[in-house]
Each structure stands twice: as structure tokens, then as C-alpha cells.
N, C-alpha and C. Protein backbone atom coordinates (compact mmCIF):
# COMPACT_ATOMS: atom_id res chain seq x y z
N MET A 1 1.06 -1.16 0.19
CA MET A 1 -0.10 -0.08 -0.04
C MET A 1 0.83 1.27 -0.04
N ALA A 2 0.36 2.35 -0.71
CA ALA A 2 1.24 3.42 -0.76
C ALA A 2 0.54 4.64 -1.05
N LEU A 3 1.05 5.82 -0.80
CA LEU A 3 0.75 7.06 -1.49
C LEU A 3 1.52 7.49 -2.58
N LEU A 4 0.62 7.57 -3.60
CA LEU A 4 1.35 8.01 -4.93
C LEU A 4 0.97 9.44 -5.47
N LEU A 5 1.97 10.06 -5.57
CA LEU A 5 1.82 11.57 -6.28
C LEU A 5 2.12 11.28 -7.76
N VAL A 6 1.07 11.60 -8.73
CA VAL A 6 1.39 11.35 -10.12
C VAL A 6 1.22 12.38 -10.76
N GLY A 7 2.12 12.74 -11.42
CA GLY A 7 2.13 13.70 -12.49
C GLY A 7 1.59 13.49 -13.89
N LEU A 8 0.35 14.56 -14.10
CA LEU A 8 -0.43 14.59 -15.23
C LEU A 8 0.29 15.05 -16.57
N GLY A 9 1.10 15.87 -16.34
CA GLY A 9 1.59 17.01 -17.43
C GLY A 9 0.77 17.90 -17.50
N PRO A 10 0.99 18.96 -18.55
CA PRO A 10 0.17 20.20 -18.51
C PRO A 10 -1.22 20.35 -19.01
N SER A 11 -1.49 19.11 -20.29
CA SER A 11 -2.58 19.08 -20.77
C SER A 11 -3.69 18.73 -19.89
N PRO A 12 -4.83 19.40 -19.71
CA PRO A 12 -5.93 19.14 -19.07
C PRO A 12 -6.78 17.89 -19.88
N GLU A 13 -6.57 17.73 -21.05
CA GLU A 13 -7.09 16.54 -21.72
C GLU A 13 -6.14 15.30 -21.70
N LEU A 14 -4.97 15.37 -20.74
CA LEU A 14 -3.97 14.44 -20.24
C LEU A 14 -3.33 13.81 -21.86
N ARG A 15 -3.14 14.71 -22.66
CA ARG A 15 -2.29 14.36 -23.79
C ARG A 15 -0.82 14.01 -23.52
N ASP A 16 -0.41 14.71 -22.49
CA ASP A 16 0.91 14.37 -21.95
C ASP A 16 1.08 13.18 -21.02
N LEU A 17 0.18 12.81 -20.68
CA LEU A 17 0.39 11.60 -19.72
C LEU A 17 1.06 10.40 -19.94
N THR A 18 2.08 9.91 -19.17
CA THR A 18 2.89 9.12 -19.28
C THR A 18 2.33 7.38 -19.24
N ARG A 19 2.79 6.51 -19.56
CA ARG A 19 2.55 5.18 -19.48
C ARG A 19 2.62 4.81 -18.03
N ARG A 20 3.58 5.03 -17.27
CA ARG A 20 4.02 4.67 -15.82
C ARG A 20 2.57 5.48 -15.09
N ALA A 21 2.65 6.75 -15.47
CA ALA A 21 1.68 7.56 -14.76
C ALA A 21 0.31 6.88 -15.04
N GLU A 22 -0.32 6.29 -16.05
CA GLU A 22 -1.43 5.84 -16.19
C GLU A 22 -1.51 4.35 -15.53
N ASP A 23 -0.40 3.54 -15.44
CA ASP A 23 -0.25 2.51 -14.80
C ASP A 23 -0.48 2.64 -13.09
N ALA A 24 -0.05 3.75 -12.87
CA ALA A 24 -0.13 4.04 -11.45
C ALA A 24 -1.43 4.43 -10.96
N LEU A 25 -2.14 5.06 -11.80
CA LEU A 25 -3.57 5.63 -11.46
C LEU A 25 -4.33 4.49 -11.75
N ARG A 26 -4.35 3.70 -12.61
CA ARG A 26 -5.21 2.48 -12.54
C ARG A 26 -4.84 1.40 -11.77
N ARG A 27 -3.77 1.59 -10.83
CA ARG A 27 -3.66 0.80 -9.70
C ARG A 27 -4.33 0.99 -8.40
N ALA A 28 -4.15 2.64 -8.36
CA ALA A 28 -4.79 3.15 -7.30
C ALA A 28 -6.19 2.66 -6.85
N ARG A 29 -6.65 2.46 -5.46
CA ARG A 29 -7.91 2.29 -5.09
C ARG A 29 -8.84 3.73 -5.19
N ARG A 30 -8.13 4.78 -4.63
CA ARG A 30 -8.59 5.93 -4.66
C ARG A 30 -7.83 6.81 -5.49
N VAL A 31 -8.39 7.64 -6.21
CA VAL A 31 -7.81 8.75 -7.18
C VAL A 31 -8.30 10.25 -6.92
N LEU A 32 -7.41 10.85 -6.20
CA LEU A 32 -7.94 12.39 -6.10
C LEU A 32 -7.19 13.26 -7.10
N VAL A 33 -7.63 14.37 -7.54
CA VAL A 33 -7.35 15.29 -8.56
C VAL A 33 -6.86 16.51 -8.00
N ASP A 34 -5.86 17.16 -7.96
CA ASP A 34 -5.54 18.32 -7.29
C ASP A 34 -6.22 19.27 -8.21
N VAL A 35 -7.07 20.14 -7.82
CA VAL A 35 -7.88 21.26 -8.52
C VAL A 35 -7.44 22.59 -8.04
N PHE A 36 -6.49 22.75 -7.07
CA PHE A 36 -6.31 23.80 -6.60
C PHE A 36 -4.90 24.35 -7.11
N THR A 37 -3.92 23.47 -7.43
CA THR A 37 -2.83 24.22 -7.90
C THR A 37 -2.27 24.52 -9.32
N ALA A 38 -3.72 24.15 -10.13
CA ALA A 38 -3.29 24.60 -11.55
C ALA A 38 -5.00 24.96 -12.25
N ALA A 39 -4.90 25.33 -13.21
CA ALA A 39 -6.53 25.73 -13.96
C ALA A 39 -6.60 24.40 -14.81
N GLY A 40 -8.04 24.37 -15.10
CA GLY A 40 -8.30 23.08 -15.70
C GLY A 40 -8.51 21.75 -14.86
N GLY A 41 -9.02 22.00 -13.71
CA GLY A 41 -9.18 20.97 -12.78
C GLY A 41 -10.52 20.07 -13.17
N GLU A 42 -11.59 20.81 -13.61
CA GLU A 42 -12.69 20.10 -14.02
C GLU A 42 -12.49 19.12 -15.22
N GLN A 43 -11.59 19.73 -16.36
CA GLN A 43 -11.46 18.77 -17.34
C GLN A 43 -10.41 17.78 -17.32
N ARG A 44 -9.41 17.85 -16.18
CA ARG A 44 -8.90 16.67 -16.05
C ARG A 44 -9.53 15.78 -15.07
N CYS A 45 -10.46 16.30 -14.38
CA CYS A 45 -11.44 15.19 -13.65
C CYS A 45 -12.14 14.41 -14.68
N ALA A 46 -12.60 14.97 -15.50
CA ALA A 46 -13.58 14.38 -16.76
C ALA A 46 -12.66 13.45 -17.50
N ALA A 47 -11.59 13.88 -18.04
CA ALA A 47 -10.63 12.99 -18.55
C ALA A 47 -10.12 11.82 -17.68
N LEU A 48 -9.97 12.02 -16.55
CA LEU A 48 -9.32 10.72 -15.75
C LEU A 48 -10.62 9.88 -15.75
N GLU A 49 -11.75 10.37 -15.42
CA GLU A 49 -13.08 9.52 -15.10
C GLU A 49 -13.15 8.57 -16.51
N HIS A 50 -12.80 9.41 -17.60
CA HIS A 50 -12.99 8.61 -19.00
C HIS A 50 -11.94 7.95 -19.05
N LEU A 51 -10.63 7.78 -18.72
CA LEU A 51 -9.68 7.08 -18.86
C LEU A 51 -9.82 5.80 -18.00
N LEU A 52 -10.11 5.99 -16.75
CA LEU A 52 -10.27 4.92 -15.81
C LEU A 52 -11.70 4.17 -15.68
N GLY A 53 -12.59 4.91 -16.47
CA GLY A 53 -13.89 4.08 -16.22
C GLY A 53 -14.49 4.17 -14.85
N ARG A 54 -14.17 5.12 -14.02
CA ARG A 54 -14.76 5.07 -12.78
C ARG A 54 -14.67 6.64 -12.14
N PRO A 55 -15.39 6.81 -11.29
CA PRO A 55 -15.16 8.39 -10.53
C PRO A 55 -14.01 8.36 -10.05
N VAL A 56 -13.50 9.65 -10.01
CA VAL A 56 -12.35 10.33 -9.13
C VAL A 56 -13.04 11.12 -8.28
N GLU A 57 -11.96 11.62 -7.15
CA GLU A 57 -12.24 12.73 -6.02
C GLU A 57 -11.48 13.99 -6.56
N THR A 58 -11.93 14.85 -5.99
CA THR A 58 -11.11 16.08 -6.00
C THR A 58 -10.59 16.56 -4.74
N LEU A 59 -9.39 17.01 -4.99
CA LEU A 59 -8.48 17.57 -3.79
C LEU A 59 -8.51 18.83 -3.75
N ILE A 60 -9.07 19.71 -2.93
CA ILE A 60 -9.02 21.26 -3.13
C ILE A 60 -8.34 22.23 -1.98
N GLY A 61 -7.42 21.41 -1.58
CA GLY A 61 -6.71 22.33 -0.68
C GLY A 61 -5.35 21.49 0.36
N PRO A 62 -4.54 21.80 0.78
CA PRO A 62 -3.39 21.16 1.54
C PRO A 62 -3.63 21.18 3.10
N GLU A 63 -4.98 21.30 3.54
CA GLU A 63 -5.01 21.58 4.70
C GLU A 63 -4.63 20.32 5.59
N ALA A 64 -4.35 20.51 6.77
CA ALA A 64 -3.58 19.40 7.77
C ALA A 64 -4.69 18.07 8.10
N PRO A 65 -5.74 18.43 8.30
CA PRO A 65 -6.73 17.11 8.51
C PRO A 65 -6.97 16.37 7.41
N LEU A 66 -6.69 16.95 6.09
CA LEU A 66 -7.10 16.34 4.85
C LEU A 66 -5.69 15.57 4.55
N ARG A 67 -4.55 15.99 4.88
CA ARG A 67 -3.26 15.64 4.85
C ARG A 67 -3.47 14.03 5.59
N ALA A 68 -3.66 14.41 7.00
CA ALA A 68 -3.98 13.15 7.94
C ALA A 68 -4.66 12.17 7.57
N ALA A 69 -5.87 12.34 6.89
CA ALA A 69 -6.72 11.58 6.47
C ALA A 69 -6.20 10.60 5.15
N LEU A 70 -5.56 11.30 4.37
CA LEU A 70 -5.13 10.60 3.19
C LEU A 70 -3.79 9.74 3.42
N ILE A 71 -2.96 10.36 4.61
CA ILE A 71 -1.99 9.46 5.21
C ILE A 71 -2.53 7.93 5.72
N GLU A 72 -3.57 8.28 6.68
CA GLU A 72 -3.98 7.19 7.10
C GLU A 72 -4.84 5.91 6.02
N ALA A 73 -5.44 6.82 5.00
CA ALA A 73 -5.93 5.86 3.95
C ALA A 73 -4.97 4.96 3.36
N ALA A 74 -3.75 5.58 3.19
CA ALA A 74 -2.75 4.92 2.40
C ALA A 74 -2.12 3.90 2.96
N ARG A 75 -2.35 3.46 4.46
CA ARG A 75 -1.86 2.42 5.09
C ARG A 75 -2.65 1.13 4.50
N SER A 76 -3.87 1.27 4.20
CA SER A 76 -4.53 0.23 3.50
C SER A 76 -4.86 -0.12 2.21
N VAL A 77 -4.97 1.05 1.52
CA VAL A 77 -5.14 0.99 0.20
C VAL A 77 -3.97 2.00 -0.76
N ASP A 78 -4.11 1.50 -2.02
CA ASP A 78 -3.12 2.59 -2.93
C ASP A 78 -3.97 3.91 -2.77
N VAL A 79 -3.46 5.18 -2.67
CA VAL A 79 -4.06 6.35 -2.82
C VAL A 79 -3.31 7.32 -3.54
N ALA A 80 -3.77 7.69 -4.86
CA ALA A 80 -3.02 8.60 -5.58
C ALA A 80 -3.51 9.83 -5.64
N ILE A 81 -2.56 10.97 -5.85
CA ILE A 81 -2.91 12.17 -6.15
C ILE A 81 -2.56 12.70 -7.25
N ALA A 82 -3.22 13.03 -8.34
CA ALA A 82 -3.20 13.36 -9.36
C ALA A 82 -2.74 14.88 -9.58
N VAL A 83 -1.65 15.39 -10.04
CA VAL A 83 -1.42 16.69 -10.34
C VAL A 83 -0.83 17.41 -11.33
N ALA A 84 -1.28 18.24 -11.81
CA ALA A 84 -1.13 18.72 -13.16
C ALA A 84 0.57 19.20 -13.37
N GLY A 85 0.82 18.85 -14.37
CA GLY A 85 2.44 19.03 -14.62
C GLY A 85 3.18 17.83 -13.76
N ASP A 86 4.03 18.10 -12.96
CA ASP A 86 5.19 17.39 -12.09
C ASP A 86 4.42 17.58 -10.78
N PRO A 87 4.38 16.38 -9.95
CA PRO A 87 3.88 16.56 -8.69
C PRO A 87 4.48 17.41 -7.75
N LEU A 88 5.80 17.55 -7.85
CA LEU A 88 6.55 18.35 -6.91
C LEU A 88 7.09 19.57 -7.40
N LEU A 89 6.85 20.00 -8.58
CA LEU A 89 7.41 21.42 -8.98
C LEU A 89 6.07 22.49 -8.92
N ALA A 90 6.55 23.39 -8.03
CA ALA A 90 5.63 24.24 -7.71
C ALA A 90 4.14 24.10 -7.12
N THR A 91 4.42 22.93 -6.31
CA THR A 91 3.22 22.52 -5.58
C THR A 91 3.47 22.26 -4.15
N PRO A 92 2.31 22.13 -3.12
CA PRO A 92 2.86 22.23 -1.81
C PRO A 92 2.84 20.67 -1.36
N HIS A 93 2.94 19.81 -2.13
CA HIS A 93 3.16 18.09 -1.79
C HIS A 93 4.10 17.69 -1.46
N GLY A 94 5.49 18.42 -1.41
CA GLY A 94 6.40 17.95 -0.60
C GLY A 94 6.37 17.58 0.80
N TYR A 95 5.55 18.70 1.39
CA TYR A 95 5.27 18.42 2.81
C TYR A 95 4.42 17.19 3.09
N LEU A 96 3.47 17.02 2.35
CA LEU A 96 2.53 15.70 2.41
C LEU A 96 3.43 14.47 2.62
N CYS A 97 4.38 14.32 1.42
CA CYS A 97 5.25 13.41 1.22
C CYS A 97 5.98 13.13 2.40
N GLN A 98 6.53 14.05 2.97
CA GLN A 98 7.43 14.05 4.46
C GLN A 98 6.82 13.63 5.27
N GLN A 99 5.47 13.95 5.58
CA GLN A 99 4.53 13.48 6.69
C GLN A 99 4.13 12.11 6.36
N ALA A 100 4.03 11.74 5.53
CA ALA A 100 3.58 10.17 5.05
C ALA A 100 4.77 9.45 5.27
N ARG A 101 6.11 9.72 4.85
CA ARG A 101 7.08 8.72 5.23
C ARG A 101 7.57 8.81 6.79
N GLN A 102 7.31 9.96 7.43
CA GLN A 102 7.67 10.03 9.00
C GLN A 102 6.64 9.15 9.47
N ALA A 103 5.29 8.90 9.02
CA ALA A 103 4.11 8.12 9.59
C ALA A 103 4.31 6.68 9.20
N GLY A 104 5.56 6.35 8.21
CA GLY A 104 5.93 4.84 8.09
C GLY A 104 5.05 4.30 6.51
N VAL A 105 4.42 5.36 5.96
CA VAL A 105 3.61 4.97 4.70
C VAL A 105 4.81 5.05 3.69
N VAL A 106 4.51 4.14 2.91
CA VAL A 106 5.42 4.22 1.62
C VAL A 106 5.08 5.18 0.59
N VAL A 107 5.85 6.16 -0.08
CA VAL A 107 5.59 7.19 -0.88
C VAL A 107 6.08 6.91 -2.10
N GLU A 108 5.37 6.92 -3.41
CA GLU A 108 5.75 6.74 -4.69
C GLU A 108 5.61 7.98 -5.50
N ILE A 109 6.66 8.52 -6.25
CA ILE A 109 6.55 9.93 -7.03
C ILE A 109 6.70 9.44 -8.36
N VAL A 110 5.94 9.73 -9.05
CA VAL A 110 5.59 9.47 -10.60
C VAL A 110 5.68 10.97 -11.26
N PRO A 111 6.71 11.12 -11.96
CA PRO A 111 7.26 12.39 -12.56
C PRO A 111 6.16 12.70 -13.70
N GLY A 112 5.95 13.99 -13.97
CA GLY A 112 4.87 14.05 -15.30
C GLY A 112 5.77 15.46 -15.78
N VAL A 113 5.39 15.46 -17.13
CA VAL A 113 5.91 16.62 -17.99
C VAL A 113 5.65 18.07 -17.29
N SER A 114 6.50 18.89 -16.94
CA SER A 114 6.32 20.09 -16.20
C SER A 114 6.22 21.40 -17.17
N VAL A 115 5.59 22.46 -16.71
CA VAL A 115 5.71 23.71 -17.44
C VAL A 115 7.23 23.99 -17.83
N ALA A 116 8.18 23.88 -16.99
CA ALA A 116 9.59 24.08 -17.03
C ALA A 116 10.11 23.44 -18.25
N THR A 117 9.50 22.40 -18.61
CA THR A 117 10.14 21.67 -19.81
C THR A 117 9.28 21.79 -21.16
N ALA A 118 7.84 21.98 -20.72
CA ALA A 118 6.92 22.38 -22.09
C ALA A 118 7.54 23.54 -22.57
N ALA A 119 7.73 24.45 -21.99
CA ALA A 119 7.71 25.92 -22.40
C ALA A 119 9.03 25.97 -23.31
N PRO A 120 10.09 25.56 -23.16
CA PRO A 120 11.29 25.45 -24.06
C PRO A 120 10.86 24.77 -25.22
N ALA A 121 10.15 23.53 -25.12
CA ALA A 121 9.79 22.83 -26.39
C ALA A 121 8.79 23.74 -27.20
N LEU A 122 7.67 24.23 -26.69
CA LEU A 122 7.11 25.26 -27.42
C LEU A 122 7.55 26.43 -28.00
N LEU A 123 8.67 26.84 -27.30
CA LEU A 123 9.21 28.02 -28.09
C LEU A 123 10.35 27.46 -29.18
N GLY A 124 10.57 26.20 -29.20
CA GLY A 124 11.79 25.61 -30.05
C GLY A 124 13.07 26.25 -29.69
N ARG A 125 13.30 26.20 -28.23
CA ARG A 125 14.53 26.75 -27.68
C ARG A 125 15.48 25.63 -26.90
N ASP A 126 16.59 25.88 -26.85
CA ASP A 126 17.56 24.74 -26.06
C ASP A 126 17.37 25.30 -24.61
N GLY A 127 16.74 24.25 -23.74
CA GLY A 127 16.54 24.43 -22.31
C GLY A 127 17.83 24.58 -21.75
N ALA A 128 18.92 24.21 -22.27
CA ALA A 128 20.35 24.28 -21.48
C ALA A 128 20.74 25.64 -20.84
N GLY A 129 20.31 26.63 -21.45
CA GLY A 129 20.77 28.16 -21.12
C GLY A 129 19.73 28.63 -20.28
N GLN A 130 18.92 27.92 -19.67
CA GLN A 130 17.92 28.69 -18.93
C GLN A 130 17.89 28.22 -17.40
N ARG A 131 17.27 28.71 -16.33
CA ARG A 131 17.07 28.22 -14.99
C ARG A 131 15.64 28.65 -14.71
N VAL A 132 15.00 27.97 -13.84
CA VAL A 132 13.51 28.12 -13.36
C VAL A 132 13.57 28.94 -12.15
N VAL A 133 12.79 29.87 -11.97
CA VAL A 133 12.41 30.42 -10.83
C VAL A 133 11.08 30.54 -10.64
N VAL A 134 10.31 30.06 -9.39
CA VAL A 134 8.86 29.76 -9.02
C VAL A 134 8.72 30.97 -8.07
N ILE A 135 7.42 31.64 -8.69
CA ILE A 135 7.11 32.89 -8.03
C ILE A 135 5.49 32.51 -7.26
N GLU A 136 5.63 32.76 -6.04
CA GLU A 136 4.65 32.19 -4.94
C GLU A 136 3.28 32.84 -5.23
N GLU A 137 3.44 34.28 -5.21
CA GLU A 137 2.08 35.31 -5.52
C GLU A 137 2.30 36.22 -6.70
N LEU A 138 1.71 35.77 -7.61
CA LEU A 138 2.20 36.58 -9.07
C LEU A 138 2.11 38.05 -8.77
N ARG A 139 1.03 38.37 -8.07
CA ARG A 139 0.89 39.89 -8.11
C ARG A 139 1.34 40.39 -7.08
N ALA A 140 2.21 39.76 -6.23
CA ALA A 140 3.29 40.39 -4.95
C ALA A 140 4.26 39.44 -5.09
N PRO A 141 5.33 39.24 -6.07
CA PRO A 141 6.40 38.88 -6.08
C PRO A 141 7.42 39.35 -4.80
N ARG A 142 8.07 38.43 -4.11
CA ARG A 142 8.84 38.72 -2.82
C ARG A 142 10.25 39.12 -3.51
N PRO A 143 10.95 39.83 -2.80
CA PRO A 143 12.14 40.70 -3.15
C PRO A 143 13.10 39.48 -3.46
N GLY A 144 13.08 38.61 -2.85
CA GLY A 144 14.21 37.24 -2.94
C GLY A 144 13.77 36.57 -4.29
N GLU A 145 12.69 36.55 -4.51
CA GLU A 145 12.42 35.91 -6.04
C GLU A 145 12.43 36.68 -7.02
N LEU A 146 12.71 38.11 -6.74
CA LEU A 146 13.12 38.76 -7.93
C LEU A 146 14.59 38.84 -7.84
N ALA A 147 15.27 38.62 -6.79
CA ALA A 147 16.56 38.85 -6.67
C ALA A 147 17.40 37.51 -7.47
N ARG A 148 16.17 36.23 -7.41
CA ARG A 148 16.81 35.09 -8.20
C ARG A 148 17.00 35.27 -9.54
N VAL A 149 15.71 36.07 -10.05
CA VAL A 149 15.66 36.31 -11.48
C VAL A 149 16.63 37.11 -12.13
N VAL A 150 17.06 38.20 -11.13
CA VAL A 150 18.12 38.97 -11.47
C VAL A 150 19.51 38.08 -11.56
N ALA A 151 19.88 37.34 -10.74
CA ALA A 151 20.89 36.58 -10.47
C ALA A 151 21.39 35.68 -11.68
N VAL A 152 19.93 34.90 -12.26
CA VAL A 152 19.96 34.27 -13.40
C VAL A 152 20.36 34.93 -14.60
N LEU A 153 19.87 36.20 -14.74
CA LEU A 153 20.26 37.10 -15.90
C LEU A 153 21.41 37.52 -15.95
N ASP A 154 21.96 37.74 -14.78
CA ASP A 154 23.49 38.40 -14.48
C ASP A 154 24.28 37.19 -14.83
N ALA A 155 23.98 35.92 -14.73
CA ALA A 155 25.05 35.01 -15.19
C ALA A 155 24.68 34.65 -16.79
N GLY A 156 24.07 35.41 -17.40
CA GLY A 156 23.97 35.30 -18.79
C GLY A 156 23.10 34.00 -19.10
N LEU A 157 22.30 33.90 -18.41
CA LEU A 157 20.98 32.79 -19.03
C LEU A 157 19.71 33.57 -19.03
N ALA A 158 18.79 32.79 -19.54
CA ALA A 158 17.52 32.87 -19.56
C ALA A 158 16.80 32.41 -18.64
N CYS A 159 15.74 33.38 -17.81
CA CYS A 159 14.94 32.56 -16.69
C CYS A 159 13.61 32.47 -17.19
N LEU A 160 13.25 31.17 -16.85
CA LEU A 160 11.89 30.79 -16.92
C LEU A 160 11.11 31.05 -15.73
N VAL A 161 10.10 31.89 -15.42
CA VAL A 161 9.34 31.94 -14.47
C VAL A 161 7.81 31.37 -14.59
N ILE A 162 7.45 30.61 -13.29
CA ILE A 162 6.50 29.80 -13.23
C ILE A 162 5.60 29.99 -12.04
N GLY A 163 4.53 29.89 -11.78
CA GLY A 163 4.08 30.19 -10.63
C GLY A 163 3.58 29.12 -9.77
N ALA A 164 3.51 29.26 -8.37
CA ALA A 164 3.15 28.18 -7.25
C ALA A 164 1.66 28.32 -7.28
N GLY A 165 0.84 27.54 -7.56
CA GLY A 165 -0.57 27.38 -6.91
C GLY A 165 -1.61 28.14 -8.08
N ARG A 166 -2.94 27.95 -7.78
CA ARG A 166 -3.72 28.39 -8.81
C ARG A 166 -3.81 30.13 -8.72
N VAL A 167 -4.17 30.73 -9.89
CA VAL A 167 -4.38 31.76 -10.15
C VAL A 167 -5.68 32.18 -10.47
N ASP A 168 -6.23 33.08 -9.86
CA ASP A 168 -7.67 33.38 -9.71
C ASP A 168 -8.13 34.09 -11.03
N GLU A 169 -7.32 35.06 -11.69
CA GLU A 169 -7.42 35.86 -12.94
C GLU A 169 -6.22 35.62 -13.58
N PRO A 170 -5.99 34.77 -14.24
CA PRO A 170 -4.56 34.46 -14.93
C PRO A 170 -4.04 35.53 -15.90
N SER A 171 -5.07 35.99 -16.87
CA SER A 171 -4.31 36.90 -17.76
C SER A 171 -3.92 38.10 -17.33
N ALA A 172 -4.72 38.65 -16.14
CA ALA A 172 -4.41 39.95 -15.38
C ALA A 172 -3.08 39.63 -14.53
N ASP A 173 -3.16 38.66 -13.94
CA ASP A 173 -1.88 38.22 -12.93
C ASP A 173 -0.50 38.20 -13.65
N TRP A 174 -0.67 37.39 -14.98
CA TRP A 174 0.52 37.33 -15.64
C TRP A 174 0.95 38.64 -16.16
N THR A 175 -0.15 39.34 -16.65
CA THR A 175 0.34 40.45 -17.23
C THR A 175 1.35 41.29 -16.37
N GLU A 176 0.25 41.58 -15.13
CA GLU A 176 0.96 42.25 -13.89
C GLU A 176 2.45 41.84 -13.59
N LEU A 177 2.58 40.55 -13.49
CA LEU A 177 3.96 39.99 -13.14
C LEU A 177 4.92 40.54 -14.01
N ALA A 178 4.61 40.08 -15.61
CA ALA A 178 5.25 40.58 -16.70
C ALA A 178 6.00 41.83 -16.61
N ALA A 179 4.80 42.91 -16.30
CA ALA A 179 5.38 44.34 -16.07
C ALA A 179 6.49 44.55 -15.04
N VAL A 180 6.05 44.07 -13.88
CA VAL A 180 7.04 44.20 -12.80
C VAL A 180 8.36 43.32 -13.07
N LEU A 181 8.62 42.35 -13.82
CA LEU A 181 9.76 41.55 -14.14
C LEU A 181 10.47 42.42 -15.27
N ALA A 182 9.83 43.06 -16.12
CA ALA A 182 10.61 43.96 -17.22
C ALA A 182 11.10 45.09 -16.47
N ARG A 183 10.55 45.87 -15.45
CA ARG A 183 11.04 46.91 -14.83
C ARG A 183 12.04 46.35 -13.75
N ALA A 184 11.68 45.38 -12.92
CA ALA A 184 12.67 45.25 -11.80
C ALA A 184 14.08 44.67 -12.38
N CYS A 185 13.91 43.94 -13.57
CA CYS A 185 15.01 43.12 -14.01
C CYS A 185 15.84 43.72 -15.42
N ARG A 186 15.04 44.97 -15.71
CA ARG A 186 15.45 45.60 -17.02
C ARG A 186 15.66 44.52 -18.01
N ALA A 187 14.64 43.84 -18.45
CA ALA A 187 14.68 42.64 -19.31
C ALA A 187 13.41 42.66 -20.20
N GLN A 188 13.59 41.70 -21.20
CA GLN A 188 12.38 41.75 -22.12
C GLN A 188 11.91 40.18 -21.59
N VAL A 189 10.16 40.25 -21.62
CA VAL A 189 9.59 39.12 -20.92
C VAL A 189 8.65 38.69 -22.01
N GLU A 190 8.59 37.42 -22.10
CA GLU A 190 7.84 36.74 -23.22
C GLU A 190 6.97 35.74 -22.41
N ALA A 191 5.28 35.90 -22.90
CA ALA A 191 4.57 34.91 -22.18
C ALA A 191 4.55 33.75 -22.84
N VAL A 192 4.38 32.50 -22.44
CA VAL A 192 4.22 31.37 -22.90
C VAL A 192 3.19 30.60 -22.56
N ALA A 193 2.10 30.49 -23.30
CA ALA A 193 0.90 29.78 -23.07
C ALA A 193 1.10 28.14 -23.29
N ILE A 194 0.74 27.37 -22.24
CA ILE A 194 1.06 25.97 -22.02
C ILE A 194 -0.24 25.40 -21.99
N ASP A 195 -0.62 24.69 -23.36
CA ASP A 195 -1.90 23.86 -23.54
C ASP A 195 -3.01 24.39 -22.95
N GLY A 196 -3.16 25.86 -22.96
CA GLY A 196 -4.20 26.40 -22.72
C GLY A 196 -4.73 26.50 -21.11
N SER A 197 -3.71 25.77 -20.30
CA SER A 197 -4.13 25.70 -18.95
C SER A 197 -3.15 26.34 -17.85
N ASP A 198 -2.03 26.92 -18.36
CA ASP A 198 -1.07 27.45 -17.68
C ASP A 198 -0.30 28.49 -18.52
N THR A 199 0.46 29.16 -17.87
CA THR A 199 1.45 30.32 -18.47
C THR A 199 2.55 30.20 -17.69
N ALA A 200 3.86 30.57 -18.30
CA ALA A 200 5.16 30.76 -17.99
C ALA A 200 5.62 32.04 -18.34
N LEU A 201 6.57 32.58 -18.08
CA LEU A 201 7.07 33.74 -18.91
C LEU A 201 8.63 33.40 -18.70
N LEU A 202 9.04 33.82 -20.24
CA LEU A 202 10.42 33.55 -20.42
C LEU A 202 11.16 34.85 -20.19
N VAL A 203 12.02 35.31 -19.35
CA VAL A 203 12.76 36.63 -19.14
C VAL A 203 14.30 36.45 -19.73
N THR A 204 14.50 37.43 -20.44
CA THR A 204 15.96 37.33 -21.34
C THR A 204 16.19 38.68 -21.42
N ARG A 205 17.71 38.84 -21.23
CA ARG A 205 18.28 40.24 -21.52
C ARG A 205 19.15 40.41 -22.92
N THR A 206 19.41 38.80 -23.33
CA THR A 206 20.17 38.64 -24.47
C THR A 206 19.81 37.73 -25.25
N SER A 207 20.25 36.77 -26.28
CA SER A 207 20.09 35.57 -26.78
C SER A 207 20.56 34.66 -25.96
N ALA A 208 20.24 34.64 -24.74
CA ALA A 208 21.16 33.63 -23.63
C ALA A 208 20.46 32.28 -24.19
N LEU A 209 19.17 32.27 -24.74
CA LEU A 209 18.72 31.00 -24.83
C LEU A 209 18.54 30.74 -26.47
N PRO A 210 19.38 30.19 -27.09
CA PRO A 210 19.50 30.02 -28.46
C PRO A 210 18.47 29.10 -29.36
N THR A 211 18.03 29.33 -30.07
CA THR A 211 17.10 28.42 -31.04
C THR A 211 17.65 27.03 -31.25
N ALA A 212 16.99 26.26 -31.07
CA ALA A 212 17.52 24.93 -31.28
C ALA A 212 17.37 24.70 -32.94
N GLU A 213 18.65 23.86 -33.33
CA GLU A 213 18.57 23.61 -34.67
C GLU A 213 17.90 22.34 -35.12
């Protein structure tokens, strides 16, 4: 018996789902879809129910009582938490894994295609010349987060900025963040739409991220 954290990839229609992820989801007695760390939760639930041929549950927050209940359930059956993108990149689920292991519950992580890998592919860019920075609150980036972006640019690299958690007003929030980054970092900012459900910002000062041949 185990607690499974399963990455679904960025597509709400599960077009990026790996075979390993599908096998883990089919194995699990309970499947809960994380609907609070990314947009497109309803679509993912419908797609998973169609794929698995059975109902799935929704996970709407990382509250402590819910974490405890999931850990306890995973003592007797396989419980899968299905997460958009990668299950540990820009999500709060690392703490759940830590608590489960401390409680003696087996934890299995099934990685998924993340925004950090999907964005360079969509841009046709070489990802070797970039670094990823996670911004917790898009409308109020912390000084330390902005400093990390500046440090990446100062090193002559491009910075891919992704958000942690669900965004209430995606278009407005990302537009506002792009303006803040352009001013604070004296850089060019390009928005990258990820399969209609997520966004990333590519921040550059030079051609640090060369086009792939």
C-alpha cells in the first residue's frame, strides 16, 4: 500500500500523460485530482474518469486534517493524488510526502511533464541556457524571488518564471507580473501559453537561450 503522487503533464485533456502515470492511476484504489494548484481541474477530472472508467475525487486544498486522512487511508489501500504537470514542482505536496514517510507510509513519486520542460519545447529553444524560478504570489513577488531572477540574468542565462498555485485571474495576474519583471530586471519578457491551462514567462536580456537547430 502506498501514497502515490502522479504527474499528469500540462494538458487538461491528459495528452502528456506517461504510461507509468497511467499504470499508477489504474493501480490506485482511490484517485484524487488536485484542482487547486492549476487551472483546468474540471477537465482533468472528466478526462481521468473517462480514462479509468470510474469516478475520481477532488483535492481542493492542503489542509492538515485532509493530509492526515490521506496518509491514514494509504495504510490500507493505494491512494493516488493526480497533479497537473509534475507533482513536486511548484506544488505544496512535498510536505505531504514528508509527513507520510514519517508516519511509515510508502510514498511513490511518478514524475510528469512540467511547465519548465514544456515551455522551451513550445518556443523551439534549447533549455540548457535557462534556469527556472518559482513565484509564489504573481501579484506580489517577493524581493528574494526577484533577486533570483536577476541573478540568473546576470549569469548570462535566460529565466523561465512559473507560478506556484492556482491563479484567480490568469491573464491579469501574468500581465502584471510581466510588467514587474521587465522593470525590476531590465529585461524582455515573453509569455508562453502551456496547453491553454497554464502560463510561464521567459525573461531574457540577450540571446542567452538559443534557438534549437
